[in-house]
Amino acid sequence: MQKFTVFTVLLTVVVVVIAAEVFVNDYLPDLIGEKPSDEYELPGKLDLSASLSANVFDSDGGSANGGGYIPSGGGDVRGEIVTRDPLFDQSSLESLIVNNKDLLVDDFGDVPSGNTDVSFDIEDFSGSYDRVTTRVYLTNDNIVNSGFTGGYLEPQDYDGFVYKTISLGDLYGLSVSKYSITNGQTIYSKAYAIVPQDVSTAGEIYSVMKVRAAEGLEVDVNETNTHGDASFYMNDVRRQHVAFLTVRKGGLIYAFAYPKDYHDQISALVKSL
């Protein structure tokens, strides 16, 4: 009798459990209109789909491995677009540049950058273009176009003298560049570009050069004014085969020492300046 009672109780419990499970799974969803269990939305903390999508796709829609990711089943992959904070904000980026400005150097050498005054407006009508460019007063094109076949400029050391006799080393406010005009085998001329810092003083410097040229021994000066705004020849008895021509053009002064055979080419060169 006791065995039968125990068996009946156990059988009743099993039937009740099976019936409850069938009711919950098959009938209860239809009664309350709930989604099937495979469509339940998990709480945000437990839903891994967003993080999975963030790992597979970057913020602009491209895949993390460089191509579009398509699930093997061909279905749509939905996930949140994750907005990432920039690695550097504006202040930290400026600080990085300032602290490492010595490293920001062009490895290919210096490049002319124009005027370093950032307040200067290159398009300002009142500005001077000379402020933002390096002036070139004598070029290889000038040389070739003047008839010096294969000629080019070769920089020379300036020792404070023009023609080896006119001293300018004691004059302030000017720069002098000295060149040899050559084709690599023949020296056609020695040329000087004399550039005053104040162009209004070019006439005074020209006059000083003329006076000092005349002070030389066995030298006389012939001011012909046949070139530029003013010009003179220095005739040196000790170097009779060489002509010495000094020319003022605007705020610049040029000086040429050359064999007299090249007079036509030098005249053409002066006109091209």
C-alpha atoms as a PDB file:
ATOM      1  CA  MET A   1       0.000   0.000   0.000  1.00  0.00           C
ATOM      2  CA  GLN A   2       2.810   2.426   0.875  1.00  0.00           C
ATOM      3  CA  LYS A   3       4.709   1.588  -2.358  1.00  0.00           C
ATOM      4  CA  PHE A   4       1.611   2.303  -4.481  1.00  0.00           C
ATOM      5  CA  THR A   5       1.118   5.661  -2.791  1.00  0.00           C
ATOM      6  CA  VAL A   6       4.714   6.749  -3.418  1.00  0.00           C
ATOM      7  CA  PHE A   7       4.471   5.687  -7.071  1.00  0.00           C
ATOM      8  CA  THR A   8       1.251   7.629  -7.530  1.00  0.00           C
ATOM      9  CA  VAL A   9       2.781  10.805  -6.069  1.00  0.00           C
ATOM     10  CA  LEU A  10       5.835  10.624  -8.298  1.00  0.00           C
ATOM     11  CA  LEU A  11       3.708   9.980 -11.390  1.00  0.00           C
ATOM     12  CA  THR A  12       1.495  12.944 -10.528  1.00  0.00           C
ATOM     13  CA  VAL A  13       4.518  15.267 -10.172  1.00  0.00           C
ATOM     14  CA  VAL A  14       5.904  14.179 -13.534  1.00  0.00           C
ATOM     15  CA  VAL A  15       2.576  14.714 -15.306  1.00  0.00           C
ATOM     16  CA  VAL A  16       2.160  18.148 -13.743  1.00  0.00           C
ATOM     17  CA  VAL A  17       5.678  19.223 -14.802  1.00  0.00           C
ATOM     18  CA  ILE A  18       5.161  18.012 -18.391  1.00  0.00           C
ATOM     19  CA  ALA A  19       1.798  19.710 -18.625  1.00  0.00           C
ATOM     20  CA  ALA A  20       3.205  22.954 -17.250  1.00  0.00           C
ATOM     21  CA  GLU A  21       6.063  22.930 -19.730  1.00  0.00           C
ATOM     22  CA  VAL A  22       3.719  22.292 -22.680  1.00  0.00           C
ATOM     23  CA  PHE A  23       1.430  25.089 -21.506  1.00  0.00           C
ATOM     24  CA  VAL A  24       4.250  27.583 -21.102  1.00  0.00           C
ATOM     25  CA  ASN A  25       5.936  26.794 -24.415  1.00  0.00           C
ATOM     26  CA  ASP A  26       2.948  26.179 -26.685  1.00  0.00           C
ATOM     27  CA  TYR A  27      -0.080  28.013 -25.345  1.00  0.00           C
ATOM     28  CA  LEU A  28       1.081  30.891 -23.171  1.00  0.00           C
ATOM     29  CA  PRO A  29       2.831  32.882 -26.007  1.00  0.00           C
ATOM     30  CA  ASP A  30      -0.322  32.817 -28.106  1.00  0.00           C
ATOM     31  CA  LEU A  31      -2.415  34.037 -25.208  1.00  0.00           C
ATOM     32  CA  ILE A  32      -0.239  37.052 -24.294  1.00  0.00           C
ATOM     33  CA  GLY A  33       1.205  37.874 -27.776  1.00  0.00           C
ATOM     34  CA  GLU A  34       4.902  37.599 -26.791  1.00  0.00           C
ATOM     35  CA  LYS A  35       7.731  37.036 -29.263  1.00  0.00           C
ATOM     36  CA  PRO A  36       9.194  33.583 -29.658  1.00  0.00           C
ATOM     37  CA  SER A  37      12.076  32.863 -27.366  1.00  0.00           C
ATOM     38  CA  ASP A  38      14.633  33.234 -30.210  1.00  0.00           C
ATOM     39  CA  GLU A  39      13.547  36.852 -30.713  1.00  0.00           C
ATOM     40  CA  TYR A  40      13.756  38.009 -27.132  1.00  0.00           C
ATOM     41  CA  GLU A  41      15.726  41.251 -26.754  1.00  0.00           C
ATOM     42  CA  LEU A  42      18.458  40.938 -24.206  1.00  0.00           C
ATOM     43  CA  PRO A  43      19.350  43.761 -21.834  1.00  0.00           C
ATOM     44  CA  GLY A  44      21.965  46.132 -23.241  1.00  0.00           C
ATOM     45  CA  LYS A  45      24.684  44.850 -20.911  1.00  0.00           C
ATOM     46  CA  LEU A  46      24.144  41.275 -22.138  1.00  0.00           C
ATOM     47  CA  ASP A  47      23.632  42.041 -25.844  1.00  0.00           C
ATOM     48  CA  LEU A  48      26.950  41.340 -27.595  1.00  0.00           C
ATOM     49  CA  SER A  49      25.724  42.128 -31.119  1.00  0.00           C
ATOM     50  CA  ALA A  50      26.736  45.785 -30.865  1.00  0.00           C
ATOM     51  CA  SER A  51      30.278  45.005 -29.833  1.00  0.00           C
ATOM     52  CA  LEU A  52      30.496  42.314 -32.484  1.00  0.00           C
ATOM     53  CA  SER A  53      29.406  44.800 -35.140  1.00  0.00           C
ATOM     54  CA  ALA A  54      31.826  47.409 -33.826  1.00  0.00           C
ATOM     55  CA  ASN A  55      34.669  44.945 -34.118  1.00  0.00           C
ATOM     56  CA  VAL A  56      33.778  43.912 -37.648  1.00  0.00           C
ATOM     57  CA  PHE A  57      32.872  47.331 -39.151  1.00  0.00           C
ATOM     58  CA  ASP A  58      34.623  50.667 -38.774  1.00  0.00           C
ATOM     59  CA  SER A  59      32.796  53.965 -38.359  1.00  0.00           C
ATOM     60  CA  ASP A  60      32.495  54.788 -42.089  1.00  0.00           C
ATOM     61  CA  GLY A  61      30.992  51.437 -43.079  1.00  0.00           C
ATOM     62  CA  GLY A  62      34.165  49.698 -44.226  1.00  0.00           C
ATOM     63  CA  SER A  63      35.251  46.465 -42.672  1.00  0.00           C
ATOM     64  CA  ALA A  64      38.118  46.297 -40.242  1.00  0.00           C
ATOM     65  CA  ASN A  65      40.047  43.951 -42.522  1.00  0.00           C
ATOM     66  CA  GLY A  66      39.737  46.269 -45.543  1.00  0.00           C
ATOM     67  CA  GLY A  67      36.743  44.628 -47.255  1.00  0.00           C
ATOM     68  CA  GLY A  68      32.994  44.342 -46.648  1.00  0.00           C
ATOM     69  CA  TYR A  69      32.076  41.576 -44.187  1.00  0.00           C
ATOM     70  CA  ILE A  70      29.185  39.345 -45.281  1.00  0.00           C
ATOM     71  CA  PRO A  71      27.884  36.618 -42.922  1.00  0.00           C
ATOM     72  CA  SER A  72      28.049  33.093 -44.258  1.00  0.00           C
ATOM     73  CA  GLY A  73      24.278  32.851 -44.117  1.00  0.00           C
ATOM     74  CA  GLY A  74      23.829  35.905 -46.289  1.00  0.00           C
ATOM     75  CA  GLY A  75      21.740  37.655 -43.647  1.00  0.00           C
ATOM     76  CA  ASP A  76      21.879  41.303 -42.643  1.00  0.00           C
ATOM     77  CA  VAL A  77      24.191  42.298 -39.827  1.00  0.00           C
ATOM     78  CA  ARG A  78      22.859  45.103 -37.681  1.00  0.00           C
ATOM     79  CA  GLY A  79      24.771  46.923 -34.995  1.00  0.00           C
ATOM     80  CA  GLU A  80      25.373  50.289 -33.469  1.00  0.00           C
ATOM     81  CA  ILE A  81      27.738  52.807 -35.099  1.00  0.00           C
ATOM     82  CA  VAL A  82      30.372  53.338 -32.475  1.00  0.00           C
ATOM     83  CA  THR A  83      31.776  56.870 -32.276  1.00  0.00           C
ATOM     84  CA  ARG A  84      35.384  56.875 -31.152  1.00  0.00           C
ATOM     85  CA  ASP A  85      37.066  59.831 -29.505  1.00  0.00           C
ATOM     86  CA  PRO A  86      40.002  61.299 -31.521  1.00  0.00           C
ATOM     87  CA  LEU A  87      43.462  60.309 -30.422  1.00  0.00           C
ATOM     88  CA  PHE A  88      44.424  64.002 -29.994  1.00  0.00           C
ATOM     89  CA  ASP A  89      42.272  67.000 -29.312  1.00  0.00           C
ATOM     90  CA  GLN A  90      43.319  70.442 -30.612  1.00  0.00           C
ATOM     91  CA  SER A  91      45.197  71.522 -27.490  1.00  0.00           C
ATOM     92  CA  SER A  92      47.156  68.285 -27.127  1.00  0.00           C
ATOM     93  CA  LEU A  93      48.047  68.336 -30.846  1.00  0.00           C
ATOM     94  CA  GLU A  94      49.373  71.902 -30.626  1.00  0.00           C
ATOM     95  CA  SER A  95      51.352  70.948 -27.535  1.00  0.00           C
ATOM     96  CA  LEU A  96      52.821  67.958 -29.374  1.00  0.00           C
ATOM     97  CA  ILE A  97      53.937  70.155 -32.274  1.00  0.00           C
ATOM     98  CA  VAL A  98      55.485  72.799 -30.012  1.00  0.00           C
ATOM     99  CA  ASN A  99      57.374  70.252 -27.933  1.00  0.00           C
ATOM    100  CA  ASN A 100      58.734  68.477 -30.999  1.00  0.00           C
ATOM    101  CA  LYS A 101      59.218  71.368 -33.419  1.00  0.00           C
ATOM    102  CA  ASP A 102      62.922  70.550 -33.757  1.00  0.00           C
ATOM    103  CA  LEU A 103      61.967  67.221 -35.319  1.00  0.00           C
ATOM    104  CA  LEU A 104      59.707  68.800 -37.929  1.00  0.00           C
ATOM    105  CA  VAL A 105      62.513  69.379 -40.424  1.00  0.00           C
ATOM    106  CA  ASP A 106      62.452  68.799 -44.143  1.00  0.00           C
ATOM    107  CA  ASP A 107      65.002  66.047 -44.801  1.00  0.00           C
ATOM    108  CA  PHE A 108      65.424  67.254 -48.371  1.00  0.00           C
ATOM    109  CA  GLY A 109      67.149  70.526 -47.415  1.00  0.00           C
ATOM    110  CA  ASP A 110      66.145  74.115 -47.094  1.00  0.00           C
ATOM    111  CA  VAL A 111      63.355  75.349 -49.289  1.00  0.00           C
ATOM    112  CA  PRO A 112      62.803  79.061 -49.820  1.00  0.00           C
ATOM    113  CA  SER A 113      59.665  79.895 -47.887  1.00  0.00           C
ATOM    114  CA  GLY A 114      59.206  83.557 -48.787  1.00  0.00           C
ATOM    115  CA  ASN A 115      58.585  86.134 -46.137  1.00  0.00           C
ATOM    116  CA  THR A 116      58.711  84.807 -42.562  1.00  0.00           C
ATOM    117  CA  ASP A 117      56.516  87.634 -41.319  1.00  0.00           C
ATOM    118  CA  VAL A 118      53.128  85.934 -40.990  1.00  0.00           C
ATOM    119  CA  SER A 119      51.418  89.301 -40.621  1.00  0.00           C
ATOM    120  CA  PHE A 120      52.449  90.315 -44.146  1.00  0.00           C
ATOM    121  CA  ASP A 121      49.722  89.912 -46.758  1.00  0.00           C
ATOM    122  CA  ILE A 122      51.184  88.997 -50.134  1.00  0.00           C
ATOM    123  CA  GLU A 123      48.043  90.323 -51.852  1.00  0.00           C
ATOM    124  CA  ASP A 124      48.109  93.660 -50.025  1.00  0.00           C
ATOM    125  CA  PHE A 125      48.162  96.552 -52.518  1.00  0.00           C
ATOM    126  CA  SER A 126      50.428  98.567 -50.224  1.00  0.00           C
ATOM    127  CA  GLY A 127      52.984  95.777 -49.836  1.00  0.00           C
ATOM    128  CA  SER A 128      56.285  95.483 -51.653  1.00  0.00           C
ATOM    129  CA  TYR A 129      56.837  92.245 -53.530  1.00  0.00           C
ATOM    130  CA  ASP A 130      60.556  92.583 -52.811  1.00  0.00           C
ATOM    131  CA  ARG A 131      59.764  91.654 -49.231  1.00  0.00           C
ATOM    132  CA  VAL A 132      58.716  88.150 -50.150  1.00  0.00           C
ATOM    133  CA  THR A 133      61.197  87.121 -52.812  1.00  0.00           C
ATOM    134  CA  THR A 134      64.906  86.644 -53.127  1.00  0.00           C
ATOM    135  CA  ARG A 135      66.090  88.939 -55.906  1.00  0.00           C
ATOM    136  CA  VAL A 136      68.368  87.477 -58.543  1.00  0.00           C
ATOM    137  CA  TYR A 137      70.377  90.194 -60.270  1.00  0.00           C
ATOM    138  CA  LEU A 138      72.363  88.113 -62.736  1.00  0.00           C
ATOM    139  CA  THR A 139      71.368  84.741 -64.195  1.00  0.00           C
ATOM    140  CA  ASN A 140      72.739  82.107 -66.533  1.00  0.00           C
ATOM    141  CA  ASP A 141      69.962  82.970 -68.982  1.00  0.00           C
ATOM    142  CA  ASN A 142      71.319  86.517 -69.131  1.00  0.00           C
ATOM    143  CA  ILE A 143      74.747  85.111 -69.929  1.00  0.00           C
ATOM    144  CA  VAL A 144      73.684  82.709 -72.685  1.00  0.00           C
ATOM    145  CA  ASN A 145      71.257  85.148 -74.306  1.00  0.00           C
ATOM    146  CA  SER A 146      74.021  87.753 -74.521  1.00  0.00           C
ATOM    147  CA  GLY A 147      76.093  85.605 -76.850  1.00  0.00           C
ATOM    148  CA  PHE A 148      78.425  83.788 -74.445  1.00  0.00           C
ATOM    149  CA  THR A 149      78.149  80.315 -75.947  1.00  0.00           C
ATOM    150  CA  GLY A 150      77.910  77.693 -73.203  1.00  0.00           C
ATOM    151  CA  GLY A 151      78.500  80.395 -70.614  1.00  0.00           C
ATOM    152  CA  TYR A 152      77.365  80.269 -67.009  1.00  0.00           C
ATOM    153  CA  LEU A 153      78.008  82.009 -63.703  1.00  0.00           C
ATOM    154  CA  GLU A 154      80.517  80.614 -61.261  1.00  0.00           C
ATOM    155  CA  PRO A 155      80.519  82.284 -57.816  1.00  0.00           C
ATOM    156  CA  GLN A 156      83.824  83.771 -56.671  1.00  0.00           C
ATOM    157  CA  ASP A 157      85.080  84.925 -53.285  1.00  0.00           C
ATOM    158  CA  TYR A 158      84.738  88.671 -52.819  1.00  0.00           C
ATOM    159  CA  ASP A 159      87.720  90.239 -51.024  1.00  0.00           C
ATOM    160  CA  GLY A 160      86.421  93.792 -50.636  1.00  0.00           C
ATOM    161  CA  PHE A 161      87.856  95.063 -53.938  1.00  0.00           C
ATOM    162  CA  VAL A 162      86.357  95.583 -57.395  1.00  0.00           C
ATOM    163  CA  TYR A 163      88.792  95.087 -60.283  1.00  0.00           C
ATOM    164  CA  LYS A 164      91.412  94.464 -57.550  1.00  0.00           C
ATOM    165  CA  THR A 165      91.845  98.230 -57.236  1.00  0.00           C
ATOM    166  CA  ILE A 166      88.581  99.878 -56.097  1.00  0.00           C
ATOM    167  CA  SER A 167      88.070  99.277 -52.391  1.00  0.00           C
ATOM    168  CA  LEU A 168      84.508  98.953 -51.107  1.00  0.00           C
ATOM    169  CA  GLY A 169      85.284  97.059 -47.914  1.00  0.00           C
ATOM    170  CA  ASP A 170      84.870 100.167 -45.760  1.00  0.00           C
ATOM    171  CA  LEU A 171      81.377 100.962 -47.058  1.00  0.00           C
ATOM    172  CA  TYR A 172      78.397  99.876 -45.008  1.00  0.00           C
ATOM    173  CA  GLY A 173      74.877  99.057 -46.116  1.00  0.00           C
ATOM    174  CA  LEU A 174      75.654  97.141 -49.281  1.00  0.00           C
ATOM    175  CA  SER A 175      76.287  93.589 -50.407  1.00  0.00           C
ATOM    176  CA  VAL A 176      78.573  92.529 -53.236  1.00  0.00           C
ATOM    177  CA  SER A 177      78.440  89.271 -55.186  1.00  0.00           C
ATOM    178  CA  LYS A 178      81.316  88.323 -57.474  1.00  0.00           C
ATOM    179  CA  TYR A 179      81.092  85.882 -60.376  1.00  0.00           C
ATOM    180  CA  SER A 180      83.216  84.447 -63.109  1.00  0.00           C
ATOM    181  CA  ILE A 181      81.465  84.167 -66.480  1.00  0.00           C
ATOM    182  CA  THR A 182      82.902  81.034 -68.066  1.00  0.00           C
ATOM    183  CA  ASN A 183      82.123  78.032 -70.225  1.00  0.00           C
ATOM    184  CA  GLY A 184      84.355  75.759 -68.170  1.00  0.00           C
ATOM    185  CA  GLN A 185      87.415  76.337 -70.353  1.00  0.00           C
ATOM    186  CA  THR A 186      87.487  80.065 -71.097  1.00  0.00           C
ATOM    187  CA  ILE A 187      86.836  82.895 -68.669  1.00  0.00           C
ATOM    188  CA  TYR A 188      84.855  85.556 -70.520  1.00  0.00           C
ATOM    189  CA  SER A 189      84.504  88.087 -67.751  1.00  0.00           C
ATOM    190  CA  LYS A 190      84.520  88.833 -64.034  1.00  0.00           C
ATOM    191  CA  ALA A 191      81.208  90.335 -62.921  1.00  0.00           C
ATOM    192  CA  TYR A 192      80.120  92.116 -59.742  1.00  0.00           C
ATOM    193  CA  ALA A 193      76.567  92.808 -58.539  1.00  0.00           C
ATOM    194  CA  ILE A 194      76.616  95.619 -55.961  1.00  0.00           C
ATOM    195  CA  VAL A 195      73.332  95.909 -54.072  1.00  0.00           C
ATOM    196  CA  PRO A 196      72.748  98.775 -51.606  1.00  0.00           C
ATOM    197  CA  GLN A 197      70.343  98.118 -48.748  1.00  0.00           C
ATOM    198  CA  ASP A 198      68.895 101.564 -49.446  1.00  0.00           C
ATOM    199  CA  VAL A 199      68.508 101.837 -53.212  1.00  0.00           C
ATOM    200  CA  SER A 200      68.449 105.617 -52.968  1.00  0.00           C
ATOM    201  CA  THR A 201      72.175 105.520 -52.132  1.00  0.00           C
ATOM    202  CA  ALA A 202      73.128 103.778 -55.392  1.00  0.00           C
ATOM    203  CA  GLY A 203      74.103 107.104 -56.992  1.00  0.00           C
ATOM    204  CA  GLU A 204      76.416 107.967 -54.089  1.00  0.00           C
ATOM    205  CA  ILE A 205      78.091 104.549 -54.186  1.00  0.00           C
ATOM    206  CA  TYR A 206      78.559 104.869 -57.949  1.00  0.00           C
ATOM    207  CA  SER A 207      80.242 108.271 -57.449  1.00  0.00           C
ATOM    208  CA  VAL A 208      82.550 106.862 -54.751  1.00  0.00           C
ATOM    209  CA  MET A 209      83.580 104.052 -57.095  1.00  0.00           C
ATOM    210  CA  LYS A 210      84.332 106.531 -59.880  1.00  0.00           C
ATOM    211  CA  VAL A 211      86.478 108.728 -57.594  1.00  0.00           C
ATOM    212  CA  ARG A 212      88.405 105.781 -56.180  1.00  0.00           C
ATOM    213  CA  ALA A 213      88.989 104.344 -59.649  1.00  0.00           C
ATOM    214  CA  ALA A 214      90.585 107.617 -60.743  1.00  0.00           C
ATOM    215  CA  GLU A 215      92.932 107.554 -57.736  1.00  0.00           C
ATOM    216  CA  GLY A 216      94.776 104.496 -59.023  1.00  0.00           C
ATOM    217  CA  LEU A 217      98.258 104.687 -60.484  1.00  0.00           C
ATOM    218  CA  GLU A 218      98.394 104.795 -64.268  1.00  0.00           C
ATOM    219  CA  VAL A 219      94.608 104.794 -64.398  1.00  0.00           C
ATOM    220  CA  ASP A 220      92.148 107.218 -65.941  1.00  0.00           C
ATOM    221  CA  VAL A 221      88.357 107.255 -65.944  1.00  0.00           C
ATOM    222  CA  ASN A 222      86.153 107.847 -68.975  1.00  0.00           C
ATOM    223  CA  GLU A 223      82.506 108.465 -68.020  1.00  0.00           C
ATOM    224  CA  THR A 224      80.535 107.737 -71.187  1.00  0.00           C
ATOM    225  CA  ASN A 225      77.045 107.116 -69.735  1.00  0.00           C
ATOM    226  CA  THR A 226      76.349 104.830 -72.687  1.00  0.00           C
ATOM    227  CA  HIS A 227      74.956 102.024 -70.498  1.00  0.00           C
ATOM    228  CA  GLY A 228      72.155 102.066 -67.963  1.00  0.00           C
ATOM    229  CA  ASP A 229      71.465 105.284 -66.046  1.00  0.00           C
ATOM    230  CA  ALA A 230      75.182 106.077 -65.709  1.00  0.00           C
ATOM    231  CA  SER A 231      78.400 104.326 -66.641  1.00  0.00           C
ATOM    232  CA  PHE A 232      82.152 104.819 -66.823  1.00  0.00           C
ATOM    233  CA  TYR A 233      85.162 102.929 -68.076  1.00  0.00           C
ATOM    234  CA  MET A 234      88.330 102.569 -66.068  1.00  0.00           C
ATOM    235  CA  ASN A 235      91.398 102.425 -68.321  1.00  0.00           C
ATOM    236  CA  ASP A 236      94.418 100.773 -66.699  1.00  0.00           C
ATOM    237  CA  VAL A 237      97.702 101.144 -68.576  1.00  0.00           C
ATOM    238  CA  ARG A 238      99.013  97.988 -66.896  1.00  0.00           C
ATOM    239  CA  ARG A 239      96.077  95.926 -68.248  1.00  0.00           C
ATOM    240  CA  GLN A 240      95.490  97.419 -71.676  1.00  0.00           C
ATOM    241  CA  HIS A 241      93.792  94.333 -73.132  1.00  0.00           C
ATOM    242  CA  VAL A 242      91.085  94.424 -70.450  1.00  0.00           C
ATOM    243  CA  ALA A 243      88.069  96.743 -70.251  1.00  0.00           C
ATOM    244  CA  PHE A 244      86.591  97.743 -66.881  1.00  0.00           C
ATOM    245  CA  LEU A 245      82.967  98.872 -67.139  1.00  0.00           C
ATOM    246  CA  THR A 246      80.892 100.126 -64.181  1.00  0.00           C
ATOM    247  CA  VAL A 247      77.152 100.633 -64.721  1.00  0.00           C
ATOM    248  CA  ARG A 248      74.363 101.984 -62.509  1.00  0.00           C
ATOM    249  CA  LYS A 249      70.880 100.759 -63.368  1.00  0.00           C
ATOM    250  CA  GLY A 250      68.233 102.061 -61.014  1.00  0.00           C
ATOM    251  CA  GLY A 251      69.211 101.124 -57.467  1.00  0.00           C
ATOM    252  CA  LEU A 252      71.855  98.585 -58.526  1.00  0.00           C
ATOM    253  CA  ILE A 253      75.440  98.787 -59.703  1.00  0.00           C
ATOM    254  CA  TYR A 254      77.164  96.281 -61.967  1.00  0.00           C
ATOM    255  CA  ALA A 255      80.855  96.026 -62.730  1.00  0.00           C
ATOM    256  CA  PHE A 256      82.498  93.956 -65.479  1.00  0.00           C
ATOM    257  CA  ALA A 257      86.143  93.224 -66.223  1.00  0.00           C
ATOM    258  CA  TYR A 258      86.525  91.539 -69.622  1.00  0.00           C
ATOM    259  CA  PRO A 259      88.837  91.219 -72.616  1.00  0.00           C
ATOM    260  CA  LYS A 260      87.953  93.920 -75.116  1.00  0.00           C
ATOM    261  CA  ASP A 261      87.107  91.255 -77.705  1.00  0.00           C
ATOM    262  CA  TYR A 262      83.871  90.578 -75.750  1.00  0.00           C
ATOM    263  CA  HIS A 263      82.635  94.169 -75.763  1.00  0.00           C
ATOM    264  CA  ASP A 264      79.528  93.376 -77.835  1.00  0.00           C
ATOM    265  CA  GLN A 265      78.491  90.507 -75.581  1.00  0.00           C
ATOM    266  CA  ILE A 266      78.936  92.626 -72.432  1.00  0.00           C
ATOM    267  CA  SER A 267      76.902  95.438 -73.988  1.00  0.00           C
ATOM    268  CA  ALA A 268      74.112  92.934 -74.728  1.00  0.00           C
ATOM    269  CA  LEU A 269      74.361  91.566 -71.199  1.00  0.00           C
ATOM    270  CA  VAL A 270      74.000  95.023 -69.638  1.00  0.00           C
ATOM    271  CA  LYS A 271      70.898  95.679 -71.737  1.00  0.00           C
ATOM    272  CA  SER A 272      69.324  92.427 -70.536  1.00  0.00           C
ATOM    273  CA  LEU A 273      69.701  93.297 -66.855  1.00  0.00           C
END
